[in-house]
C-alpha atoms as a PDB file:
ATOM      1  CA  UNK A   1      -5.796   6.076 -16.196  1.00  0.00           C
ATOM      2  CA  UNK A   2      -3.606   2.966 -16.006  1.00  0.00           C
ATOM      3  CA  UNK A   3      -0.698   3.379 -13.620  1.00  0.00           C
ATOM      4  CA  UNK A   4       2.003   0.968 -14.809  1.00  0.00           C
ATOM      5  CA  UNK A   5       4.372   1.838 -11.957  1.00  0.00           C
ATOM      6  CA  UNK A   6       1.700   1.103  -9.357  1.00  0.00           C
ATOM      7  CA  UNK A   7       1.121  -2.352 -10.851  1.00  0.00           C
ATOM      8  CA  UNK A   8       4.873  -3.079 -10.873  1.00  0.00           C
ATOM      9  CA  UNK A   9       5.173  -1.991  -7.250  1.00  0.00           C
ATOM     10  CA  UNK A  10       2.196  -4.123  -6.238  1.00  0.00           C
ATOM     11  CA  UNK A  11       3.543  -7.236  -7.977  1.00  0.00           C
ATOM     12  CA  UNK A  12       6.968  -6.663  -6.425  1.00  0.00           C
ATOM     13  CA  UNK A  13       5.420  -6.292  -2.956  1.00  0.00           C
ATOM     14  CA  UNK A  14       3.454  -9.526  -3.421  1.00  0.00           C
ATOM     15  CA  UNK A  15       6.694 -11.274  -4.415  1.00  0.00           C
ATOM     16  CA  UNK A  16       8.486  -9.814  -1.391  1.00  0.00           C
ATOM     17  CA  UNK A  17       5.889 -10.969   1.139  1.00  0.00           C
ATOM     18  CA  UNK A  18       5.253 -14.343  -0.537  1.00  0.00           C
ATOM     19  CA  UNK A  19       8.953 -15.210  -0.421  1.00  0.00           C
ATOM     20  CA  UNK A  20       9.668 -14.066   3.142  1.00  0.00           C
ATOM     21  CA  UNK A  21      11.365 -10.826   2.095  1.00  0.00           C
ATOM     22  CA  UNK A  22      12.231  -9.767   5.629  1.00  0.00           C
ATOM     23  CA  UNK A  23      14.626 -12.711   5.757  1.00  0.00           C
ATOM     24  CA  UNK A  24      16.249 -12.202   2.372  1.00  0.00           C
ATOM     25  CA  UNK A  25      20.008 -11.946   2.527  1.00  0.00           C
ATOM     26  CA  UNK A  26      19.760  -8.514   0.889  1.00  0.00           C
ATOM     27  CA  UNK A  27      16.502  -6.573   1.072  1.00  0.00           C
ATOM     28  CA  UNK A  28      18.115  -3.147   1.280  1.00  0.00           C
ATOM     29  CA  UNK A  29      15.940  -0.500  -0.380  1.00  0.00           C
ATOM     30  CA  UNK A  30      13.300  -3.011  -1.444  1.00  0.00           C
ATOM     31  CA  UNK A  31       9.807  -1.519  -1.084  1.00  0.00           C
ATOM     32  CA  UNK A  32      11.143   1.932  -0.236  1.00  0.00           C
ATOM     33  CA  UNK A  33       9.805   5.172  -1.669  1.00  0.00           C
ATOM     34  CA  UNK A  34      12.305   5.229  -4.530  1.00  0.00           C
ATOM     35  CA  UNK A  35      11.239   4.074  -7.972  1.00  0.00           C
ATOM     36  CA  UNK A  36      10.866   0.309  -8.117  1.00  0.00           C
ATOM     37  CA  UNK A  37      13.533   0.416 -10.819  1.00  0.00           C
ATOM     38  CA  UNK A  38      16.010   1.338  -8.067  1.00  0.00           C
ATOM     39  CA  UNK A  39      15.088  -1.661  -5.929  1.00  0.00           C
ATOM     40  CA  UNK A  40      17.825  -4.259  -5.774  1.00  0.00           C
ATOM     41  CA  UNK A  41      17.024  -7.238  -7.978  1.00  0.00           C
ATOM     42  CA  UNK A  42      14.702  -5.441 -10.393  1.00  0.00           C
ATOM     43  CA  UNK A  43      16.113  -4.426 -13.758  1.00  0.00           C
ATOM     44  CA  UNK A  44      14.233  -1.928 -15.873  1.00  0.00           C
ATOM     45  CA  UNK A  45      14.219  -0.583 -19.390  1.00  0.00           C
ATOM     46  CA  UNK A  46      14.907   3.080 -20.109  1.00  0.00           C
ATOM     47  CA  UNK A  47      11.138   3.645 -19.967  1.00  0.00           C
ATOM     48  CA  UNK A  48      11.023   2.248 -16.389  1.00  0.00           C
ATOM     49  CA  UNK A  49       9.419  -1.081 -17.206  1.00  0.00           C
ATOM     50  CA  UNK A  50      10.684  -4.056 -15.189  1.00  0.00           C
ATOM     51  CA  UNK A  51      12.063  -6.594 -17.647  1.00  0.00           C
ATOM     52  CA  UNK A  52      14.047  -8.841 -15.311  1.00  0.00           C
ATOM     53  CA  UNK A  53      13.886 -10.003 -11.717  1.00  0.00           C
ATOM     54  CA  UNK A  54      17.183 -11.324 -10.359  1.00  0.00           C
ATOM     55  CA  UNK A  55      17.204 -12.638  -6.796  1.00  0.00           C
ATOM     56  CA  UNK A  56      19.692 -15.445  -7.264  1.00  0.00           C
ATOM     57  CA  UNK A  57      21.242 -16.534  -3.958  1.00  0.00           C
ATOM     58  CA  UNK A  58      19.097 -14.173  -1.878  1.00  0.00           C
ATOM     59  CA  UNK A  59      17.447 -16.725   0.433  1.00  0.00           C
ATOM     60  CA  UNK A  60      13.933 -16.504  -1.000  1.00  0.00           C
ATOM     61  CA  UNK A  61      11.576 -18.956   0.697  1.00  0.00           C
ATOM     62  CA  UNK A  62       7.925 -19.573  -0.005  1.00  0.00           C
ATOM     63  CA  UNK A  63       5.570 -20.037  -2.900  1.00  0.00           C
ATOM     64  CA  UNK A  64       4.671 -17.694  -5.686  1.00  0.00           C
ATOM     65  CA  UNK A  65       0.973 -17.031  -5.615  1.00  0.00           C
ATOM     66  CA  UNK A  66      -1.314 -16.412  -8.537  1.00  0.00           C
ATOM     67  CA  UNK A  67      -2.697 -12.997  -7.918  1.00  0.00           C
END
């Protein structure tokens, strides 16, 4: 069975590590056990699908990788 949440979490983790997440200005609760829809910077629909990523002014550094 396809696990949509697992894919969203994986993509978010790749983004976090590719952009030096440990040095973001605000990485509170990112990659914790809560639903990825509760992670700061991810906005979800009512059906828990990420529709927007907003990390403006959060000190992201690095390159996005094609995964």
